[in-house]
Amino acid sequence: MTKYFEISEFDSPDAPGSGFNMQASFINRLVTAREIAGVPFRINSGYRTPEHNRKVGGTPGSSHLTGWAVDIAVKDNRERGVVLNALIRAGFTRIGIGKNFIHADSDPAKNPAVWLY
């Protein structure tokens, strides 16, 4: 699909091939962030079906449901900082920071925000 990502990385676990539901402009922005970061991005969660979103405790209006969000695994504070910096520089407007992952979101229907898990 791109230089850094296969479409299957974005599949909901219960729907093979569903990664095609990701928004093209979102993927392009993610590629830009990956270029800036210079480190691999391991996608924990991309597109989610409503069933899978419920199973993992996602919010009913999650941007994962519409292909505007991913969760990226981070292994330590250094990597978290590198990925976070790259996401901001690439123009992501909604970022959630967890201990082992970062939620990257650019849903145009939602207000910019940063939050902690």
N, C-alpha and C. Protein backbone atom coordinates (compact mmCIF):
# COMPACT_ATOMS: atom_id res chain seq x y z
N MET A 1 0.82 -1.19 0.00
CA MET A 1 0.00 0.00 0.00
C MET A 1 0.87 1.26 0.00
N THR A 2 1.81 1.36 0.94
CA THR A 2 2.70 2.52 1.00
C THR A 2 4.12 2.02 1.24
N LYS A 3 5.03 2.94 1.29
CA LYS A 3 6.43 2.62 1.55
C LYS A 3 6.60 1.93 2.91
N TYR A 4 5.78 2.29 3.89
CA TYR A 4 5.96 1.80 5.26
C TYR A 4 4.86 0.87 5.77
N PHE A 5 3.71 0.86 5.14
CA PHE A 5 2.57 0.13 5.69
C PHE A 5 1.91 -0.77 4.65
N GLU A 6 1.47 -1.93 5.12
CA GLU A 6 0.61 -2.83 4.34
C GLU A 6 -0.83 -2.57 4.80
N ILE A 7 -1.76 -2.66 3.89
CA ILE A 7 -3.16 -2.39 4.23
C ILE A 7 -3.66 -3.32 5.34
N SER A 8 -3.13 -4.53 5.39
CA SER A 8 -3.56 -5.50 6.40
C SER A 8 -3.22 -5.04 7.82
N GLU A 9 -2.24 -4.16 7.98
CA GLU A 9 -1.89 -3.64 9.31
C GLU A 9 -3.04 -2.86 9.92
N PHE A 10 -3.97 -2.39 9.09
CA PHE A 10 -5.07 -1.55 9.54
C PHE A 10 -6.38 -2.33 9.67
N ASP A 11 -6.35 -3.63 9.38
CA ASP A 11 -7.56 -4.45 9.44
C ASP A 11 -8.09 -4.58 10.87
N SER A 12 -9.41 -4.55 11.00
CA SER A 12 -10.03 -4.95 12.25
C SER A 12 -9.82 -6.46 12.36
N PRO A 13 -9.44 -6.97 13.54
CA PRO A 13 -9.16 -8.41 13.66
C PRO A 13 -10.30 -9.33 13.24
N ASP A 14 -11.52 -8.81 13.31
CA ASP A 14 -12.68 -9.63 12.96
C ASP A 14 -13.14 -9.42 11.52
N ALA A 15 -12.37 -8.65 10.72
CA ALA A 15 -12.80 -8.37 9.35
C ALA A 15 -11.58 -8.22 8.43
N PRO A 16 -11.00 -9.34 8.00
CA PRO A 16 -9.87 -9.26 7.08
C PRO A 16 -10.20 -8.40 5.86
N GLY A 17 -9.25 -7.57 5.46
CA GLY A 17 -9.45 -6.68 4.33
C GLY A 17 -10.10 -5.35 4.68
N SER A 18 -10.49 -5.17 5.93
CA SER A 18 -11.19 -3.95 6.33
C SER A 18 -10.28 -2.74 6.43
N GLY A 19 -8.98 -2.95 6.34
CA GLY A 19 -8.05 -1.82 6.36
C GLY A 19 -8.29 -0.86 5.21
N PHE A 20 -8.97 -1.35 4.16
CA PHE A 20 -9.32 -0.47 3.04
C PHE A 20 -10.31 0.62 3.45
N ASN A 21 -10.88 0.50 4.64
CA ASN A 21 -11.79 1.53 5.15
C ASN A 21 -11.05 2.74 5.73
N MET A 22 -9.73 2.67 5.81
CA MET A 22 -8.97 3.81 6.31
C MET A 22 -9.04 4.95 5.30
N GLN A 23 -9.07 6.16 5.80
CA GLN A 23 -9.13 7.35 4.94
C GLN A 23 -7.77 7.57 4.28
N ALA A 24 -7.76 7.79 2.98
CA ALA A 24 -6.51 7.97 2.23
C ALA A 24 -5.70 9.15 2.74
N SER A 25 -6.34 10.26 3.04
CA SER A 25 -5.59 11.42 3.54
C SER A 25 -4.99 11.15 4.91
N PHE A 26 -5.67 10.33 5.70
CA PHE A 26 -5.13 9.94 7.00
C PHE A 26 -3.87 9.10 6.81
N ILE A 27 -3.92 8.12 5.92
CA ILE A 27 -2.76 7.27 5.66
C ILE A 27 -1.60 8.10 5.15
N ASN A 28 -1.87 9.05 4.26
CA ASN A 28 -0.81 9.92 3.76
C ASN A 28 -0.15 10.70 4.89
N ARG A 29 -0.94 11.20 5.81
CA ARG A 29 -0.41 11.94 6.96
C ARG A 29 0.41 11.00 7.86
N LEU A 30 -0.05 9.77 8.01
CA LEU A 30 0.68 8.80 8.83
C LEU A 30 2.03 8.47 8.20
N VAL A 31 2.07 8.36 6.89
CA VAL A 31 3.34 8.12 6.18
C VAL A 31 4.29 9.30 6.42
N THR A 32 3.76 10.52 6.37
CA THR A 32 4.58 11.70 6.64
C THR A 32 5.15 11.64 8.06
N ALA A 33 4.32 11.29 9.03
CA ALA A 33 4.78 11.17 10.41
C ALA A 33 5.87 10.11 10.54
N ARG A 34 5.68 9.00 9.86
CA ARG A 34 6.68 7.92 9.89
C ARG A 34 8.00 8.39 9.30
N GLU A 35 7.95 9.16 8.22
CA GLU A 35 9.15 9.74 7.61
C GLU A 35 9.87 10.64 8.61
N ILE A 36 9.11 11.50 9.27
CA ILE A 36 9.69 12.43 10.25
C ILE A 36 10.31 11.68 11.42
N ALA A 37 9.61 10.67 11.93
CA ALA A 37 10.07 9.94 13.11
C ALA A 37 11.34 9.15 12.84
N GLY A 38 11.43 8.54 11.68
CA GLY A 38 12.60 7.73 11.37
C GLY A 38 12.66 6.43 12.16
N VAL A 39 11.54 6.04 12.74
CA VAL A 39 11.45 4.75 13.45
C VAL A 39 10.20 4.04 12.95
N PRO A 40 10.19 2.71 12.96
CA PRO A 40 8.99 1.98 12.52
C PRO A 40 7.78 2.29 13.40
N PHE A 41 6.60 2.30 12.80
CA PHE A 41 5.34 2.43 13.53
C PHE A 41 4.67 1.06 13.48
N ARG A 42 4.44 0.47 14.66
CA ARG A 42 3.70 -0.78 14.74
C ARG A 42 2.26 -0.45 15.11
N ILE A 43 1.34 -0.74 14.21
CA ILE A 43 -0.07 -0.39 14.41
C ILE A 43 -0.74 -1.45 15.28
N ASN A 44 -1.21 -1.02 16.46
CA ASN A 44 -1.96 -1.91 17.36
C ASN A 44 -3.41 -2.01 16.94
N SER A 45 -3.95 -0.90 16.46
CA SER A 45 -5.37 -0.84 16.11
C SER A 45 -5.55 0.21 15.02
N GLY A 46 -6.21 -0.18 13.95
CA GLY A 46 -6.52 0.75 12.87
C GLY A 46 -8.02 0.84 12.75
N TYR A 47 -8.55 0.42 11.60
CA TYR A 47 -9.99 0.40 11.43
C TYR A 47 -10.59 -0.62 12.40
N ARG A 48 -11.75 -0.29 12.96
CA ARG A 48 -12.48 -1.24 13.82
C ARG A 48 -13.92 -1.37 13.35
N THR A 49 -14.39 -2.60 13.33
CA THR A 49 -15.83 -2.81 13.13
C THR A 49 -16.53 -2.38 14.42
N PRO A 50 -17.82 -2.08 14.36
CA PRO A 50 -18.53 -1.74 15.59
C PRO A 50 -18.42 -2.85 16.65
N GLU A 51 -18.46 -4.10 16.20
CA GLU A 51 -18.37 -5.23 17.13
C GLU A 51 -17.01 -5.26 17.83
N HIS A 52 -15.94 -5.10 17.07
CA HIS A 52 -14.61 -5.13 17.66
C HIS A 52 -14.40 -3.90 18.56
N ASN A 53 -14.93 -2.77 18.14
CA ASN A 53 -14.80 -1.56 18.96
C ASN A 53 -15.45 -1.78 20.33
N ARG A 54 -16.64 -2.40 20.35
CA ARG A 54 -17.30 -2.70 21.63
C ARG A 54 -16.46 -3.67 22.45
N LYS A 55 -15.93 -4.69 21.78
CA LYS A 55 -15.14 -5.73 22.46
C LYS A 55 -13.93 -5.14 23.18
N VAL A 56 -13.27 -4.15 22.57
CA VAL A 56 -12.07 -3.57 23.17
C VAL A 56 -12.36 -2.37 24.05
N GLY A 57 -13.65 -2.05 24.23
CA GLY A 57 -14.02 -0.94 25.11
C GLY A 57 -13.87 0.43 24.47
N GLY A 58 -13.88 0.49 23.14
CA GLY A 58 -13.79 1.78 22.45
C GLY A 58 -15.05 2.58 22.63
N THR A 59 -14.93 3.89 22.49
CA THR A 59 -16.10 4.76 22.62
C THR A 59 -17.03 4.55 21.42
N PRO A 60 -18.33 4.71 21.60
CA PRO A 60 -19.28 4.49 20.51
C PRO A 60 -19.00 5.34 19.27
N GLY A 61 -18.49 6.53 19.42
CA GLY A 61 -18.21 7.39 18.27
C GLY A 61 -16.73 7.41 17.90
N SER A 62 -16.02 6.35 18.21
CA SER A 62 -14.58 6.29 17.96
C SER A 62 -14.23 6.58 16.51
N SER A 63 -13.15 7.33 16.32
CA SER A 63 -12.67 7.62 14.97
C SER A 63 -12.09 6.38 14.30
N HIS A 64 -11.83 5.33 15.05
CA HIS A 64 -11.40 4.06 14.46
C HIS A 64 -12.51 3.49 13.55
N LEU A 65 -13.75 3.79 13.89
CA LEU A 65 -14.90 3.26 13.15
C LEU A 65 -15.03 3.86 11.75
N THR A 66 -14.43 5.01 11.54
CA THR A 66 -14.54 5.70 10.26
C THR A 66 -13.20 5.82 9.54
N GLY A 67 -12.16 5.16 10.06
CA GLY A 67 -10.87 5.15 9.39
C GLY A 67 -10.04 6.40 9.58
N TRP A 68 -10.32 7.14 10.66
CA TRP A 68 -9.57 8.36 10.94
C TRP A 68 -8.61 8.22 12.10
N ALA A 69 -8.36 7.01 12.61
CA ALA A 69 -7.49 6.86 13.78
C ALA A 69 -6.73 5.54 13.78
N VAL A 70 -5.57 5.58 14.42
CA VAL A 70 -4.79 4.37 14.70
C VAL A 70 -4.21 4.49 16.09
N ASP A 71 -3.86 3.34 16.66
CA ASP A 71 -3.06 3.28 17.87
C ASP A 71 -1.70 2.72 17.47
N ILE A 72 -0.64 3.41 17.87
CA ILE A 72 0.73 3.04 17.52
C ILE A 72 1.44 2.57 18.78
N ALA A 73 2.02 1.37 18.74
CA ALA A 73 2.75 0.84 19.88
C ALA A 73 4.03 1.64 20.11
N VAL A 74 4.35 1.91 21.37
CA VAL A 74 5.63 2.52 21.74
C VAL A 74 6.23 1.71 22.87
N LYS A 75 7.54 1.51 22.82
CA LYS A 75 8.18 0.61 23.79
C LYS A 75 8.77 1.32 25.00
N ASP A 76 9.07 2.62 24.88
CA ASP A 76 9.67 3.32 26.01
C ASP A 76 9.46 4.82 25.86
N ASN A 77 9.94 5.58 26.84
CA ASN A 77 9.74 7.03 26.84
C ASN A 77 10.40 7.70 25.63
N ARG A 78 11.57 7.24 25.26
CA ARG A 78 12.27 7.84 24.12
C ARG A 78 11.44 7.67 22.85
N GLU A 79 10.99 6.44 22.59
CA GLU A 79 10.20 6.20 21.39
C GLU A 79 8.88 6.97 21.45
N ARG A 80 8.28 7.05 22.63
CA ARG A 80 7.03 7.80 22.78
C ARG A 80 7.25 9.26 22.37
N GLY A 81 8.36 9.84 22.80
CA GLY A 81 8.66 11.22 22.45
C GLY A 81 8.91 11.41 20.97
N VAL A 82 9.63 10.49 20.35
CA VAL A 82 9.92 10.57 18.91
C VAL A 82 8.63 10.48 18.10
N VAL A 83 7.78 9.52 18.44
CA VAL A 83 6.52 9.32 17.71
C VAL A 83 5.59 10.52 17.94
N LEU A 84 5.48 10.96 19.16
CA LEU A 84 4.62 12.10 19.48
C LEU A 84 5.06 13.34 18.71
N ASN A 85 6.34 13.64 18.71
CA ASN A 85 6.86 14.79 17.97
C ASN A 85 6.51 14.69 16.48
N ALA A 86 6.70 13.51 15.92
CA ALA A 86 6.43 13.31 14.49
C ALA A 86 4.95 13.49 14.17
N LEU A 87 4.08 12.99 15.04
CA LEU A 87 2.64 13.12 14.81
C LEU A 87 2.22 14.59 14.84
N ILE A 88 2.75 15.33 15.77
CA ILE A 88 2.43 16.76 15.86
C ILE A 88 2.94 17.49 14.62
N ARG A 89 4.18 17.22 14.24
CA ARG A 89 4.75 17.89 13.07
C ARG A 89 4.02 17.52 11.78
N ALA A 90 3.46 16.32 11.72
CA ALA A 90 2.72 15.88 10.52
C ALA A 90 1.30 16.45 10.48
N GLY A 91 0.85 17.06 11.57
CA GLY A 91 -0.45 17.71 11.56
C GLY A 91 -1.60 16.93 12.18
N PHE A 92 -1.31 15.89 12.95
CA PHE A 92 -2.40 15.20 13.64
C PHE A 92 -2.98 16.12 14.69
N THR A 93 -4.31 16.16 14.76
CA THR A 93 -5.00 17.12 15.61
C THR A 93 -5.59 16.52 16.88
N ARG A 94 -5.59 15.21 16.96
CA ARG A 94 -6.14 14.54 18.15
C ARG A 94 -5.17 13.43 18.54
N ILE A 95 -4.60 13.54 19.73
CA ILE A 95 -3.57 12.59 20.15
C ILE A 95 -3.85 12.16 21.58
N GLY A 96 -3.92 10.85 21.78
CA GLY A 96 -4.08 10.27 23.11
C GLY A 96 -2.81 9.52 23.48
N ILE A 97 -2.29 9.77 24.66
CA ILE A 97 -1.01 9.20 25.06
C ILE A 97 -1.22 8.17 26.18
N GLY A 98 -0.84 6.94 25.88
CA GLY A 98 -0.91 5.87 26.87
C GLY A 98 0.48 5.40 27.23
N LYS A 99 0.57 4.47 28.15
CA LYS A 99 1.88 3.96 28.58
C LYS A 99 2.59 3.23 27.45
N ASN A 100 1.86 2.41 26.69
CA ASN A 100 2.48 1.58 25.66
C ASN A 100 2.00 1.88 24.24
N PHE A 101 1.24 2.95 24.08
CA PHE A 101 0.74 3.29 22.75
C PHE A 101 0.40 4.77 22.68
N ILE A 102 0.28 5.25 21.44
CA ILE A 102 -0.22 6.60 21.17
C ILE A 102 -1.36 6.48 20.16
N HIS A 103 -2.48 7.11 20.50
CA HIS A 103 -3.63 7.19 19.60
C HIS A 103 -3.41 8.41 18.72
N ALA A 104 -3.38 8.21 17.39
CA ALA A 104 -3.24 9.30 16.43
C ALA A 104 -4.52 9.41 15.63
N ASP A 105 -5.04 10.63 15.54
CA ASP A 105 -6.39 10.83 15.02
C ASP A 105 -6.41 12.16 14.27
N SER A 106 -7.05 12.19 13.13
CA SER A 106 -7.24 13.48 12.43
C SER A 106 -8.66 13.57 11.90
N ASP A 107 -9.60 13.14 12.71
CA ASP A 107 -11.02 13.15 12.34
C ASP A 107 -11.49 14.59 12.16
N PRO A 108 -11.88 14.96 10.94
CA PRO A 108 -12.29 16.35 10.70
C PRO A 108 -13.61 16.74 11.38
N ALA A 109 -14.36 15.74 11.85
CA ALA A 109 -15.63 16.02 12.51
C ALA A 109 -15.46 16.29 14.01
N LYS A 110 -14.23 16.22 14.50
CA LYS A 110 -14.00 16.38 15.94
C LYS A 110 -13.01 17.51 16.20
N ASN A 111 -13.16 18.11 17.38
CA ASN A 111 -12.28 19.20 17.79
C ASN A 111 -10.89 18.68 18.15
N PRO A 112 -9.86 19.49 17.90
CA PRO A 112 -8.50 19.10 18.31
C PRO A 112 -8.45 18.84 19.82
N ALA A 113 -7.65 17.86 20.20
CA ALA A 113 -7.53 17.53 21.62
C ALA A 113 -6.28 16.68 21.85
N VAL A 114 -5.79 16.74 23.08
CA VAL A 114 -4.72 15.85 23.54
C VAL A 114 -5.20 15.31 24.88
N TRP A 115 -5.02 14.00 25.09
CA TRP A 115 -5.46 13.40 26.35
C TRP A 115 -4.51 12.28 26.76
N LEU A 116 -4.63 11.90 28.02
CA LEU A 116 -3.85 10.80 28.58
C LEU A 116 -4.78 9.64 28.90
N TYR A 117 -4.25 8.42 28.74
CA TYR A 117 -5.01 7.22 29.11
C TYR A 117 -4.55 6.76 30.48
